[in-house]
């Protein structure tokens, strides 16, 4: 839920990839 709510977005450029990597881990 945390990953989906923050990173499931159409605006890929707006994603904080470092944070997304941590959450995906």
PDBML (XML) file of the C-alpha atoms, coordinates in Angstrom:
<?xml version="1.0" encoding="UTF-8" ?>
<PDBx:datablock datablockName="MODEL"
   xmlns:PDBx="http://pdbml.pdb.org/schema/pdbx-v50.xsd"
   xmlns:xsi="http://www.w3.org/2001/XMLSchema-instance"
   xsi:schemaLocation="http://pdbml.pdb.org/schema/pdbx-v50.xsd pdbx-v50.xsd">
   <PDBx:atom_siteCategory>
      <PDBx:atom_site id="1">
         <PDBx:B_iso_or_equiv>0.00</PDBx:B_iso_or_equiv>
         <PDBx:Cartn_x>0.000</PDBx:Cartn_x>
         <PDBx:Cartn_y>0.000</PDBx:Cartn_y>
         <PDBx:Cartn_z>0.000</PDBx:Cartn_z>
         <PDBx:auth_asym_id>A</PDBx:auth_asym_id>
         <PDBx:auth_atom_id>CA</PDBx:auth_atom_id>
         <PDBx:auth_comp_id>UNK</PDBx:auth_comp_id>
         <PDBx:auth_seq_id>1</PDBx:auth_seq_id>
         <PDBx:group_PDB>ATOM</PDBx:group_PDB>
         <PDBx:label_alt_id xsi:nil="true" />
         <PDBx:label_asym_id>A</PDBx:label_asym_id>
         <PDBx:label_atom_id>CA</PDBx:label_atom_id>
         <PDBx:label_comp_id>UNK</PDBx:label_comp_id>
         <PDBx:label_entity_id>1</PDBx:label_entity_id>
         <PDBx:label_seq_id>1</PDBx:label_seq_id>
         <PDBx:occupancy>1.00</PDBx:occupancy>
         <PDBx:pdbx_PDB_model_num>1</PDBx:pdbx_PDB_model_num>
         <PDBx:type_symbol>C</PDBx:type_symbol>
      </PDBx:atom_site>
      <PDBx:atom_site id="2">
         <PDBx:B_iso_or_equiv>0.00</PDBx:B_iso_or_equiv>
         <PDBx:Cartn_x>2.832</PDBx:Cartn_x>
         <PDBx:Cartn_y>2.399</PDBx:Cartn_y>
         <PDBx:Cartn_z>0.854</PDBx:Cartn_z>
         <PDBx:auth_asym_id>A</PDBx:auth_asym_id>
         <PDBx:auth_atom_id>CA</PDBx:auth_atom_id>
         <PDBx:auth_comp_id>UNK</PDBx:auth_comp_id>
         <PDBx:auth_seq_id>2</PDBx:auth_seq_id>
         <PDBx:group_PDB>ATOM</PDBx:group_PDB>
         <PDBx:label_alt_id xsi:nil="true" />
         <PDBx:label_asym_id>A</PDBx:label_asym_id>
         <PDBx:label_atom_id>CA</PDBx:label_atom_id>
         <PDBx:label_comp_id>UNK</PDBx:label_comp_id>
         <PDBx:label_entity_id>1</PDBx:label_entity_id>
         <PDBx:label_seq_id>2</PDBx:label_seq_id>
         <PDBx:occupancy>1.00</PDBx:occupancy>
         <PDBx:pdbx_PDB_model_num>1</PDBx:pdbx_PDB_model_num>
         <PDBx:type_symbol>C</PDBx:type_symbol>
      </PDBx:atom_site>
      <PDBx:atom_site id="3">
         <PDBx:B_iso_or_equiv>0.00</PDBx:B_iso_or_equiv>
         <PDBx:Cartn_x>4.561</PDBx:Cartn_x>
         <PDBx:Cartn_y>1.693</PDBx:Cartn_y>
         <PDBx:Cartn_z>-2.438</PDBx:Cartn_z>
         <PDBx:auth_asym_id>A</PDBx:auth_asym_id>
         <PDBx:auth_atom_id>CA</PDBx:auth_atom_id>
         <PDBx:auth_comp_id>UNK</PDBx:auth_comp_id>
         <PDBx:auth_seq_id>3</PDBx:auth_seq_id>
         <PDBx:group_PDB>ATOM</PDBx:group_PDB>
         <PDBx:label_alt_id xsi:nil="true" />
         <PDBx:label_asym_id>A</PDBx:label_asym_id>
         <PDBx:label_atom_id>CA</PDBx:label_atom_id>
         <PDBx:label_comp_id>UNK</PDBx:label_comp_id>
         <PDBx:label_entity_id>1</PDBx:label_entity_id>
         <PDBx:label_seq_id>3</PDBx:label_seq_id>
         <PDBx:occupancy>1.00</PDBx:occupancy>
         <PDBx:pdbx_PDB_model_num>1</PDBx:pdbx_PDB_model_num>
         <PDBx:type_symbol>C</PDBx:type_symbol>
      </PDBx:atom_site>
      <PDBx:atom_site id="4">
         <PDBx:B_iso_or_equiv>0.00</PDBx:B_iso_or_equiv>
         <PDBx:Cartn_x>1.360</PDBx:Cartn_x>
         <PDBx:Cartn_y>1.907</PDBx:Cartn_y>
         <PDBx:Cartn_z>-4.494</PDBx:Cartn_z>
         <PDBx:auth_asym_id>A</PDBx:auth_asym_id>
         <PDBx:auth_atom_id>CA</PDBx:auth_atom_id>
         <PDBx:auth_comp_id>UNK</PDBx:auth_comp_id>
         <PDBx:auth_seq_id>4</PDBx:auth_seq_id>
         <PDBx:group_PDB>ATOM</PDBx:group_PDB>
         <PDBx:label_alt_id xsi:nil="true" />
         <PDBx:label_asym_id>A</PDBx:label_asym_id>
         <PDBx:label_atom_id>CA</PDBx:label_atom_id>
         <PDBx:label_comp_id>UNK</PDBx:label_comp_id>
         <PDBx:label_entity_id>1</PDBx:label_entity_id>
         <PDBx:label_seq_id>4</PDBx:label_seq_id>
         <PDBx:occupancy>1.00</PDBx:occupancy>
         <PDBx:pdbx_PDB_model_num>1</PDBx:pdbx_PDB_model_num>
         <PDBx:type_symbol>C</PDBx:type_symbol>
      </PDBx:atom_site>
      <PDBx:atom_site id="5">
         <PDBx:B_iso_or_equiv>0.00</PDBx:B_iso_or_equiv>
         <PDBx:Cartn_x>0.056</PDBx:Cartn_x>
         <PDBx:Cartn_y>5.112</PDBx:Cartn_y>
         <PDBx:Cartn_z>-2.932</PDBx:Cartn_z>
         <PDBx:auth_asym_id>A</PDBx:auth_asym_id>
         <PDBx:auth_atom_id>CA</PDBx:auth_atom_id>
         <PDBx:auth_comp_id>UNK</PDBx:auth_comp_id>
         <PDBx:auth_seq_id>5</PDBx:auth_seq_id>
         <PDBx:group_PDB>ATOM</PDBx:group_PDB>
         <PDBx:label_alt_id xsi:nil="true" />
         <PDBx:label_asym_id>A</PDBx:label_asym_id>
         <PDBx:label_atom_id>CA</PDBx:label_atom_id>
         <PDBx:label_comp_id>UNK</PDBx:label_comp_id>
         <PDBx:label_entity_id>1</PDBx:label_entity_id>
         <PDBx:label_seq_id>5</PDBx:label_seq_id>
         <PDBx:occupancy>1.00</PDBx:occupancy>
         <PDBx:pdbx_PDB_model_num>1</PDBx:pdbx_PDB_model_num>
         <PDBx:type_symbol>C</PDBx:type_symbol>
      </PDBx:atom_site>
      <PDBx:atom_site id="6">
         <PDBx:B_iso_or_equiv>0.00</PDBx:B_iso_or_equiv>
         <PDBx:Cartn_x>3.316</PDBx:Cartn_x>
         <PDBx:Cartn_y>6.971</PDBx:Cartn_y>
         <PDBx:Cartn_z>-3.429</PDBx:Cartn_z>
         <PDBx:auth_asym_id>A</PDBx:auth_asym_id>
         <PDBx:auth_atom_id>CA</PDBx:auth_atom_id>
         <PDBx:auth_comp_id>UNK</PDBx:auth_comp_id>
         <PDBx:auth_seq_id>6</PDBx:auth_seq_id>
         <PDBx:group_PDB>ATOM</PDBx:group_PDB>
         <PDBx:label_alt_id xsi:nil="true" />
         <PDBx:label_asym_id>A</PDBx:label_asym_id>
         <PDBx:label_atom_id>CA</PDBx:label_atom_id>
         <PDBx:label_comp_id>UNK</PDBx:label_comp_id>
         <PDBx:label_entity_id>1</PDBx:label_entity_id>
         <PDBx:label_seq_id>6</PDBx:label_seq_id>
         <PDBx:occupancy>1.00</PDBx:occupancy>
         <PDBx:pdbx_PDB_model_num>1</PDBx:pdbx_PDB_model_num>
         <PDBx:type_symbol>C</PDBx:type_symbol>
      </PDBx:atom_site>
      <PDBx:atom_site id="7">
         <PDBx:B_iso_or_equiv>0.00</PDBx:B_iso_or_equiv>
         <PDBx:Cartn_x>4.783</PDBx:Cartn_x>
         <PDBx:Cartn_y>5.603</PDBx:Cartn_y>
         <PDBx:Cartn_z>-6.650</PDBx:Cartn_z>
         <PDBx:auth_asym_id>A</PDBx:auth_asym_id>
         <PDBx:auth_atom_id>CA</PDBx:auth_atom_id>
         <PDBx:auth_comp_id>UNK</PDBx:auth_comp_id>
         <PDBx:auth_seq_id>7</PDBx:auth_seq_id>
         <PDBx:group_PDB>ATOM</PDBx:group_PDB>
         <PDBx:label_alt_id xsi:nil="true" />
         <PDBx:label_asym_id>A</PDBx:label_asym_id>
         <PDBx:label_atom_id>CA</PDBx:label_atom_id>
         <PDBx:label_comp_id>UNK</PDBx:label_comp_id>
         <PDBx:label_entity_id>1</PDBx:label_entity_id>
         <PDBx:label_seq_id>7</PDBx:label_seq_id>
         <PDBx:occupancy>1.00</PDBx:occupancy>
         <PDBx:pdbx_PDB_model_num>1</PDBx:pdbx_PDB_model_num>
         <PDBx:type_symbol>C</PDBx:type_symbol>
      </PDBx:atom_site>
      <PDBx:atom_site id="8">
         <PDBx:B_iso_or_equiv>0.00</PDBx:B_iso_or_equiv>
         <PDBx:Cartn_x>1.879</PDBx:Cartn_x>
         <PDBx:Cartn_y>4.293</PDBx:Cartn_y>
         <PDBx:Cartn_z>-8.758</PDBx:Cartn_z>
         <PDBx:auth_asym_id>A</PDBx:auth_asym_id>
         <PDBx:auth_atom_id>CA</PDBx:auth_atom_id>
         <PDBx:auth_comp_id>UNK</PDBx:auth_comp_id>
         <PDBx:auth_seq_id>8</PDBx:auth_seq_id>
         <PDBx:group_PDB>ATOM</PDBx:group_PDB>
         <PDBx:label_alt_id xsi:nil="true" />
         <PDBx:label_asym_id>A</PDBx:label_asym_id>
         <PDBx:label_atom_id>CA</PDBx:label_atom_id>
         <PDBx:label_comp_id>UNK</PDBx:label_comp_id>
         <PDBx:label_entity_id>1</PDBx:label_entity_id>
         <PDBx:label_seq_id>8</PDBx:label_seq_id>
         <PDBx:occupancy>1.00</PDBx:occupancy>
         <PDBx:pdbx_PDB_model_num>1</PDBx:pdbx_PDB_model_num>
         <PDBx:type_symbol>C</PDBx:type_symbol>
      </PDBx:atom_site>
      <PDBx:atom_site id="9">
         <PDBx:B_iso_or_equiv>0.00</PDBx:B_iso_or_equiv>
         <PDBx:Cartn_x>1.682</PDBx:Cartn_x>
         <PDBx:Cartn_y>7.461</PDBx:Cartn_y>
         <PDBx:Cartn_z>-10.792</PDBx:Cartn_z>
         <PDBx:auth_asym_id>A</PDBx:auth_asym_id>
         <PDBx:auth_atom_id>CA</PDBx:auth_atom_id>
         <PDBx:auth_comp_id>UNK</PDBx:auth_comp_id>
         <PDBx:auth_seq_id>9</PDBx:auth_seq_id>
         <PDBx:group_PDB>ATOM</PDBx:group_PDB>
         <PDBx:label_alt_id xsi:nil="true" />
         <PDBx:label_asym_id>A</PDBx:label_asym_id>
         <PDBx:label_atom_id>CA</PDBx:label_atom_id>
         <PDBx:label_comp_id>UNK</PDBx:label_comp_id>
         <PDBx:label_entity_id>1</PDBx:label_entity_id>
         <PDBx:label_seq_id>9</PDBx:label_seq_id>
         <PDBx:occupancy>1.00</PDBx:occupancy>
         <PDBx:pdbx_PDB_model_num>1</PDBx:pdbx_PDB_model_num>
         <PDBx:type_symbol>C</PDBx:type_symbol>
      </PDBx:atom_site>
      <PDBx:atom_site id="10">
         <PDBx:B_iso_or_equiv>0.00</PDBx:B_iso_or_equiv>
         <PDBx:Cartn_x>1.624</PDBx:Cartn_x>
         <PDBx:Cartn_y>8.369</PDBx:Cartn_y>
         <PDBx:Cartn_z>-14.460</PDBx:Cartn_z>
         <PDBx:auth_asym_id>A</PDBx:auth_asym_id>
         <PDBx:auth_atom_id>CA</PDBx:auth_atom_id>
         <PDBx:auth_comp_id>UNK</PDBx:auth_comp_id>
         <PDBx:auth_seq_id>10</PDBx:auth_seq_id>
         <PDBx:group_PDB>ATOM</PDBx:group_PDB>
         <PDBx:label_alt_id xsi:nil="true" />
         <PDBx:label_asym_id>A</PDBx:label_asym_id>
         <PDBx:label_atom_id>CA</PDBx:label_atom_id>
         <PDBx:label_comp_id>UNK</PDBx:label_comp_id>
         <PDBx:label_entity_id>1</PDBx:label_entity_id>
         <PDBx:label_seq_id>10</PDBx:label_seq_id>
         <PDBx:occupancy>1.00</PDBx:occupancy>
         <PDBx:pdbx_PDB_model_num>1</PDBx:pdbx_PDB_model_num>
         <PDBx:type_symbol>C</PDBx:type_symbol>
      </PDBx:atom_site>
      <PDBx:atom_site id="11">
         <PDBx:B_iso_or_equiv>0.00</PDBx:B_iso_or_equiv>
         <PDBx:Cartn_x>4.189</PDBx:Cartn_x>
         <PDBx:Cartn_y>11.101</PDBx:Cartn_y>
         <PDBx:Cartn_z>-13.826</PDBx:Cartn_z>
         <PDBx:auth_asym_id>A</PDBx:auth_asym_id>
         <PDBx:auth_atom_id>CA</PDBx:auth_atom_id>
         <PDBx:auth_comp_id>UNK</PDBx:auth_comp_id>
         <PDBx:auth_seq_id>11</PDBx:auth_seq_id>
         <PDBx:group_PDB>ATOM</PDBx:group_PDB>
         <PDBx:label_alt_id xsi:nil="true" />
         <PDBx:label_asym_id>A</PDBx:label_asym_id>
         <PDBx:label_atom_id>CA</PDBx:label_atom_id>
         <PDBx:label_comp_id>UNK</PDBx:label_comp_id>
         <PDBx:label_entity_id>1</PDBx:label_entity_id>
         <PDBx:label_seq_id>11</PDBx:label_seq_id>
         <PDBx:occupancy>1.00</PDBx:occupancy>
         <PDBx:pdbx_PDB_model_num>1</PDBx:pdbx_PDB_model_num>
         <PDBx:type_symbol>C</PDBx:type_symbol>
      </PDBx:atom_site>
      <PDBx:atom_site id="12">
         <PDBx:B_iso_or_equiv>0.00</PDBx:B_iso_or_equiv>
         <PDBx:Cartn_x>7.286</PDBx:Cartn_x>
         <PDBx:Cartn_y>8.910</PDBx:Cartn_y>
         <PDBx:Cartn_z>-13.869</PDBx:Cartn_z>
         <PDBx:auth_asym_id>A</PDBx:auth_asym_id>
         <PDBx:auth_atom_id>CA</PDBx:auth_atom_id>
         <PDBx:auth_comp_id>UNK</PDBx:auth_comp_id>
         <PDBx:auth_seq_id>12</PDBx:auth_seq_id>
         <PDBx:group_PDB>ATOM</PDBx:group_PDB>
         <PDBx:label_alt_id xsi:nil="true" />
         <PDBx:label_asym_id>A</PDBx:label_asym_id>
         <PDBx:label_atom_id>CA</PDBx:label_atom_id>
         <PDBx:label_comp_id>UNK</PDBx:label_comp_id>
         <PDBx:label_entity_id>1</PDBx:label_entity_id>
         <PDBx:label_seq_id>12</PDBx:label_seq_id>
         <PDBx:occupancy>1.00</PDBx:occupancy>
         <PDBx:pdbx_PDB_model_num>1</PDBx:pdbx_PDB_model_num>
         <PDBx:type_symbol>C</PDBx:type_symbol>
      </PDBx:atom_site>
      <PDBx:atom_site id="13">
         <PDBx:B_iso_or_equiv>0.00</PDBx:B_iso_or_equiv>
         <PDBx:Cartn_x>9.574</PDBx:Cartn_x>
         <PDBx:Cartn_y>11.936</PDBx:Cartn_y>
         <PDBx:Cartn_z>-13.853</PDBx:Cartn_z>
         <PDBx:auth_asym_id>A</PDBx:auth_asym_id>
         <PDBx:auth_atom_id>CA</PDBx:auth_atom_id>
         <PDBx:auth_comp_id>UNK</PDBx:auth_comp_id>
         <PDBx:auth_seq_id>13</PDBx:auth_seq_id>
         <PDBx:group_PDB>ATOM</PDBx:group_PDB>
         <PDBx:label_alt_id xsi:nil="true" />
         <PDBx:label_asym_id>A</PDBx:label_asym_id>
         <PDBx:label_atom_id>CA</PDBx:label_atom_id>
         <PDBx:label_comp_id>UNK</PDBx:label_comp_id>
         <PDBx:label_entity_id>1</PDBx:label_entity_id>
         <PDBx:label_seq_id>13</PDBx:label_seq_id>
         <PDBx:occupancy>1.00</PDBx:occupancy>
         <PDBx:pdbx_PDB_model_num>1</PDBx:pdbx_PDB_model_num>
         <PDBx:type_symbol>C</PDBx:type_symbol>
      </PDBx:atom_site>
      <PDBx:atom_site id="14">
         <PDBx:B_iso_or_equiv>0.00</PDBx:B_iso_or_equiv>
         <PDBx:Cartn_x>8.158</PDBx:Cartn_x>
         <PDBx:Cartn_y>13.059</PDBx:Cartn_y>
         <PDBx:Cartn_z>-10.505</PDBx:Cartn_z>
         <PDBx:auth_asym_id>A</PDBx:auth_asym_id>
         <PDBx:auth_atom_id>CA</PDBx:auth_atom_id>
         <PDBx:auth_comp_id>UNK</PDBx:auth_comp_id>
         <PDBx:auth_seq_id>14</PDBx:auth_seq_id>
         <PDBx:group_PDB>ATOM</PDBx:group_PDB>
         <PDBx:label_alt_id xsi:nil="true" />
         <PDBx:label_asym_id>A</PDBx:label_asym_id>
         <PDBx:label_atom_id>CA</PDBx:label_atom_id>
         <PDBx:label_comp_id>UNK</PDBx:label_comp_id>
         <PDBx:label_entity_id>1</PDBx:label_entity_id>
         <PDBx:label_seq_id>14</PDBx:label_seq_id>
         <PDBx:occupancy>1.00</PDBx:occupancy>
         <PDBx:pdbx_PDB_model_num>1</PDBx:pdbx_PDB_model_num>
         <PDBx:type_symbol>C</PDBx:type_symbol>
      </PDBx:atom_site>
      <PDBx:atom_site id="15">
         <PDBx:B_iso_or_equiv>0.00</PDBx:B_iso_or_equiv>
         <PDBx:Cartn_x>9.108</PDBx:Cartn_x>
         <PDBx:Cartn_y>9.812</PDBx:Cartn_y>
         <PDBx:Cartn_z>-8.734</PDBx:Cartn_z>
         <PDBx:auth_asym_id>A</PDBx:auth_asym_id>
         <PDBx:auth_atom_id>CA</PDBx:auth_atom_id>
         <PDBx:auth_comp_id>UNK</PDBx:auth_comp_id>
         <PDBx:auth_seq_id>15</PDBx:auth_seq_id>
         <PDBx:group_PDB>ATOM</PDBx:group_PDB>
         <PDBx:label_alt_id xsi:nil="true" />
         <PDBx:label_asym_id>A</PDBx:label_asym_id>
         <PDBx:label_atom_id>CA</PDBx:label_atom_id>
         <PDBx:label_comp_id>UNK</PDBx:label_comp_id>
         <PDBx:label_entity_id>1</PDBx:label_entity_id>
         <PDBx:label_seq_id>15</PDBx:label_seq_id>
         <PDBx:occupancy>1.00</PDBx:occupancy>
         <PDBx:pdbx_PDB_model_num>1</PDBx:pdbx_PDB_model_num>
         <PDBx:type_symbol>C</PDBx:type_symbol>
      </PDBx:atom_site>
      <PDBx:atom_site id="16">
         <PDBx:B_iso_or_equiv>0.00</PDBx:B_iso_or_equiv>
         <PDBx:Cartn_x>11.923</PDBx:Cartn_x>
         <PDBx:Cartn_y>10.005</PDBx:Cartn_y>
         <PDBx:Cartn_z>-6.206</PDBx:Cartn_z>
         <PDBx:auth_asym_id>A</PDBx:auth_asym_id>
         <PDBx:auth_atom_id>CA</PDBx:auth_atom_id>
         <PDBx:auth_comp_id>UNK</PDBx:auth_comp_id>
         <PDBx:auth_seq_id>16</PDBx:auth_seq_id>
         <PDBx:group_PDB>ATOM</PDBx:group_PDB>
         <PDBx:label_alt_id xsi:nil="true" />
         <PDBx:label_asym_id>A</PDBx:label_asym_id>
         <PDBx:label_atom_id>CA</PDBx:label_atom_id>
         <PDBx:label_comp_id>UNK</PDBx:label_comp_id>
         <PDBx:label_entity_id>1</PDBx:label_entity_id>
         <PDBx:label_seq_id>16</PDBx:label_seq_id>
         <PDBx:occupancy>1.00</PDBx:occupancy>
         <PDBx:pdbx_PDB_model_num>1</PDBx:pdbx_PDB_model_num>
         <PDBx:type_symbol>C</PDBx:type_symbol>
      </PDBx:atom_site>
      <PDBx:atom_site id="17">
         <PDBx:B_iso_or_equiv>0.00</PDBx:B_iso_or_equiv>
         <PDBx:Cartn_x>13.796</PDBx:Cartn_x>
         <PDBx:Cartn_y>6.960</PDBx:Cartn_y>
         <PDBx:Cartn_z>-7.496</PDBx:Cartn_z>
         <PDBx:auth_asym_id>A</PDBx:auth_asym_id>
         <PDBx:auth_atom_id>CA</PDBx:auth_atom_id>
         <PDBx:auth_comp_id>UNK</PDBx:auth_comp_id>
         <PDBx:auth_seq_id>17</PDBx:auth_seq_id>
         <PDBx:group_PDB>ATOM</PDBx:group_PDB>
         <PDBx:label_alt_id xsi:nil="true" />
         <PDBx:label_asym_id>A</PDBx:label_asym_id>
         <PDBx:label_atom_id>CA</PDBx:label_atom_id>
         <PDBx:label_comp_id>UNK</PDBx:label_comp_id>
         <PDBx:label_entity_id>1</PDBx:label_entity_id>
         <PDBx:label_seq_id>17</PDBx:label_seq_id>
         <PDBx:occupancy>1.00</PDBx:occupancy>
         <PDBx:pdbx_PDB_model_num>1</PDBx:pdbx_PDB_model_num>
         <PDBx:type_symbol>C</PDBx:type_symbol>
      </PDBx:atom_site>
      <PDBx:atom_site id="18">
         <PDBx:B_iso_or_equiv>0.00</PDBx:B_iso_or_equiv>
         <PDBx:Cartn_x>16.056</PDBx:Cartn_x>
         <PDBx:Cartn_y>6.667</PDBx:Cartn_y>
         <PDBx:Cartn_z>-4.467</PDBx:Cartn_z>
         <PDBx:auth_asym_id>A</PDBx:auth_asym_id>
         <PDBx:auth_atom_id>CA</PDBx:auth_atom_id>
         <PDBx:auth_comp_id>UNK</PDBx:auth_comp_id>
         <PDBx:auth_seq_id>18</PDBx:auth_seq_id>
         <PDBx:group_PDB>ATOM</PDBx:group_PDB>
         <PDBx:label_alt_id xsi:nil="true" />
         <PDBx:label_asym_id>A</PDBx:label_asym_id>
         <PDBx:label_atom_id>CA</PDBx:label_atom_id>
         <PDBx:label_comp_id>UNK</PDBx:label_comp_id>
         <PDBx:label_entity_id>1</PDBx:label_entity_id>
         <PDBx:label_seq_id>18</PDBx:label_seq_id>
         <PDBx:occupancy>1.00</PDBx:occupancy>
         <PDBx:pdbx_PDB_model_num>1</PDBx:pdbx_PDB_model_num>
         <PDBx:type_symbol>C</PDBx:type_symbol>
      </PDBx:atom_site>
      <PDBx:atom_site id="19">
         <PDBx:B_iso_or_equiv>0.00</PDBx:B_iso_or_equiv>
         <PDBx:Cartn_x>13.076</PDBx:Cartn_x>
         <PDBx:Cartn_y>6.581</PDBx:Cartn_y>
         <PDBx:Cartn_z>-2.127</PDBx:Cartn_z>
         <PDBx:auth_asym_id>A</PDBx:auth_asym_id>
         <PDBx:auth_atom_id>CA</PDBx:auth_atom_id>
         <PDBx:auth_comp_id>UNK</PDBx:auth_comp_id>
         <PDBx:auth_seq_id>19</PDBx:auth_seq_id>
         <PDBx:group_PDB>ATOM</PDBx:group_PDB>
         <PDBx:label_alt_id xsi:nil="true" />
         <PDBx:label_asym_id>A</PDBx:label_asym_id>
         <PDBx:label_atom_id>CA</PDBx:label_atom_id>
         <PDBx:label_comp_id>UNK</PDBx:label_comp_id>
         <PDBx:label_entity_id>1</PDBx:label_entity_id>
         <PDBx:label_seq_id>19</PDBx:label_seq_id>
         <PDBx:occupancy>1.00</PDBx:occupancy>
         <PDBx:pdbx_PDB_model_num>1</PDBx:pdbx_PDB_model_num>
         <PDBx:type_symbol>C</PDBx:type_symbol>
      </PDBx:atom_site>
      <PDBx:atom_site id="20">
         <PDBx:B_iso_or_equiv>0.00</PDBx:B_iso_or_equiv>
         <PDBx:Cartn_x>11.152</PDBx:Cartn_x>
         <PDBx:Cartn_y>4.296</PDBx:Cartn_y>
         <PDBx:Cartn_z>-4.491</PDBx:Cartn_z>
         <PDBx:auth_asym_id>A</PDBx:auth_asym_id>
         <PDBx:auth_atom_id>CA</PDBx:auth_atom_id>
         <PDBx:auth_comp_id>UNK</PDBx:auth_comp_id>
         <PDBx:auth_seq_id>20</PDBx:auth_seq_id>
         <PDBx:group_PDB>ATOM</PDBx:group_PDB>
         <PDBx:label_alt_id xsi:nil="true" />
         <PDBx:label_asym_id>A</PDBx:label_asym_id>
         <PDBx:label_atom_id>CA</PDBx:label_atom_id>
         <PDBx:label_comp_id>UNK</PDBx:label_comp_id>
         <PDBx:label_entity_id>1</PDBx:label_entity_id>
         <PDBx:label_seq_id>20</PDBx:label_seq_id>
         <PDBx:occupancy>1.00</PDBx:occupancy>
         <PDBx:pdbx_PDB_model_num>1</PDBx:pdbx_PDB_model_num>
         <PDBx:type_symbol>C</PDBx:type_symbol>
      </PDBx:atom_site>
      <PDBx:atom_site id="21">
         <PDBx:B_iso_or_equiv>0.00</PDBx:B_iso_or_equiv>
         <PDBx:Cartn_x>14.085</PDBx:Cartn_x>
         <PDBx:Cartn_y>1.867</PDBx:Cartn_y>
         <PDBx:Cartn_z>-4.544</PDBx:Cartn_z>
         <PDBx:auth_asym_id>A</PDBx:auth_asym_id>
         <PDBx:auth_atom_id>CA</PDBx:auth_atom_id>
         <PDBx:auth_comp_id>UNK</PDBx:auth_comp_id>
         <PDBx:auth_seq_id>21</PDBx:auth_seq_id>
         <PDBx:group_PDB>ATOM</PDBx:group_PDB>
         <PDBx:label_alt_id xsi:nil="true" />
         <PDBx:label_asym_id>A</PDBx:label_asym_id>
         <PDBx:label_atom_id>CA</PDBx:label_atom_id>
         <PDBx:label_comp_id>UNK</PDBx:label_comp_id>
         <PDBx:label_entity_id>1</PDBx:label_entity_id>
         <PDBx:label_seq_id>21</PDBx:label_seq_id>
         <PDBx:occupancy>1.00</PDBx:occupancy>
         <PDBx:pdbx_PDB_model_num>1</PDBx:pdbx_PDB_model_num>
         <PDBx:type_symbol>C</PDBx:type_symbol>
      </PDBx:atom_site>
      <PDBx:atom_site id="22">
         <PDBx:B_iso_or_equiv>0.00</PDBx:B_iso_or_equiv>
         <PDBx:Cartn_x>14.091</PDBx:Cartn_x>
         <PDBx:Cartn_y>1.764</PDBx:Cartn_y>
         <PDBx:Cartn_z>-0.744</PDBx:Cartn_z>
         <PDBx:auth_asym_id>A</PDBx:auth_asym_id>
         <PDBx:auth_atom_id>CA</PDBx:auth_atom_id>
         <PDBx:auth_comp_id>UNK</PDBx:auth_comp_id>
         <PDBx:auth_seq_id>22</PDBx:auth_seq_id>
         <PDBx:group_PDB>ATOM</PDBx:group_PDB>
         <PDBx:label_alt_id xsi:nil="true" />
         <PDBx:label_asym_id>A</PDBx:label_asym_id>
         <PDBx:label_atom_id>CA</PDBx:label_atom_id>
         <PDBx:label_comp_id>UNK</PDBx:label_comp_id>
         <PDBx:label_entity_id>1</PDBx:label_entity_id>
         <PDBx:label_seq_id>22</PDBx:label_seq_id>
         <PDBx:occupancy>1.00</PDBx:occupancy>
         <PDBx:pdbx_PDB_model_num>1</PDBx:pdbx_PDB_model_num>
         <PDBx:type_symbol>C</PDBx:type_symbol>
      </PDBx:atom_site>
      <PDBx:atom_site id="23">
         <PDBx:B_iso_or_equiv>0.00</PDBx:B_iso_or_equiv>
         <PDBx:Cartn_x>10.339</PDBx:Cartn_x>
         <PDBx:Cartn_y>1.184</PDBx:Cartn_y>
         <PDBx:Cartn_z>-0.533</PDBx:Cartn_z>
         <PDBx:auth_asym_id>A</PDBx:auth_asym_id>
         <PDBx:auth_atom_id>CA</PDBx:auth_atom_id>
         <PDBx:auth_comp_id>UNK</PDBx:auth_comp_id>
         <PDBx:auth_seq_id>23</PDBx:auth_seq_id>
         <PDBx:group_PDB>ATOM</PDBx:group_PDB>
         <PDBx:label_alt_id xsi:nil="true" />
         <PDBx:label_asym_id>A</PDBx:label_asym_id>
         <PDBx:label_atom_id>CA</PDBx:label_atom_id>
         <PDBx:label_comp_id>UNK</PDBx:label_comp_id>
         <PDBx:label_entity_id>1</PDBx:label_entity_id>
         <PDBx:label_seq_id>23</PDBx:label_seq_id>
         <PDBx:occupancy>1.00</PDBx:occupancy>
         <PDBx:pdbx_PDB_model_num>1</PDBx:pdbx_PDB_model_num>
         <PDBx:type_symbol>C</PDBx:type_symbol>
      </PDBx:atom_site>
      <PDBx:atom_site id="24">
         <PDBx:B_iso_or_equiv>0.00</PDBx:B_iso_or_equiv>
         <PDBx:Cartn_x>10.438</PDBx:Cartn_x>
         <PDBx:Cartn_y>-1.480</PDBx:Cartn_y>
         <PDBx:Cartn_z>-3.231</PDBx:Cartn_z>
         <PDBx:auth_asym_id>A</PDBx:auth_asym_id>
         <PDBx:auth_atom_id>CA</PDBx:auth_atom_id>
         <PDBx:auth_comp_id>UNK</PDBx:auth_comp_id>
         <PDBx:auth_seq_id>24</PDBx:auth_seq_id>
         <PDBx:group_PDB>ATOM</PDBx:group_PDB>
         <PDBx:label_alt_id xsi:nil="true" />
         <PDBx:label_asym_id>A</PDBx:label_asym_id>
         <PDBx:label_atom_id>CA</PDBx:label_atom_id>
         <PDBx:label_comp_id>UNK</PDBx:label_comp_id>
         <PDBx:label_entity_id>1</PDBx:label_entity_id>
         <PDBx:label_seq_id>24</PDBx:label_seq_id>
         <PDBx:occupancy>1.00</PDBx:occupancy>
         <PDBx:pdbx_PDB_model_num>1</PDBx:pdbx_PDB_model_num>
         <PDBx:type_symbol>C</PDBx:type_symbol>
      </PDBx:atom_site>
      <PDBx:atom_site id="25">
         <PDBx:B_iso_or_equiv>0.00</PDBx:B_iso_or_equiv>
         <PDBx:Cartn_x>13.223</PDBx:Cartn_x>
         <PDBx:Cartn_y>-3.213</PDBx:Cartn_y>
         <PDBx:Cartn_z>-1.298</PDBx:Cartn_z>
         <PDBx:auth_asym_id>A</PDBx:auth_asym_id>
         <PDBx:auth_atom_id>CA</PDBx:auth_atom_id>
         <PDBx:auth_comp_id>UNK</PDBx:auth_comp_id>
         <PDBx:auth_seq_id>25</PDBx:auth_seq_id>
         <PDBx:group_PDB>ATOM</PDBx:group_PDB>
         <PDBx:label_alt_id xsi:nil="true" />
         <PDBx:label_asym_id>A</PDBx:label_asym_id>
         <PDBx:label_atom_id>CA</PDBx:label_atom_id>
         <PDBx:label_comp_id>UNK</PDBx:label_comp_id>
         <PDBx:label_entity_id>1</PDBx:label_entity_id>
         <PDBx:label_seq_id>25</PDBx:label_seq_id>
         <PDBx:occupancy>1.00</PDBx:occupancy>
         <PDBx:pdbx_PDB_model_num>1</PDBx:pdbx_PDB_model_num>
         <PDBx:type_symbol>C</PDBx:type_symbol>
      </PDBx:atom_site>
   </PDBx:atom_siteCategory>
</PDBx:datablock>
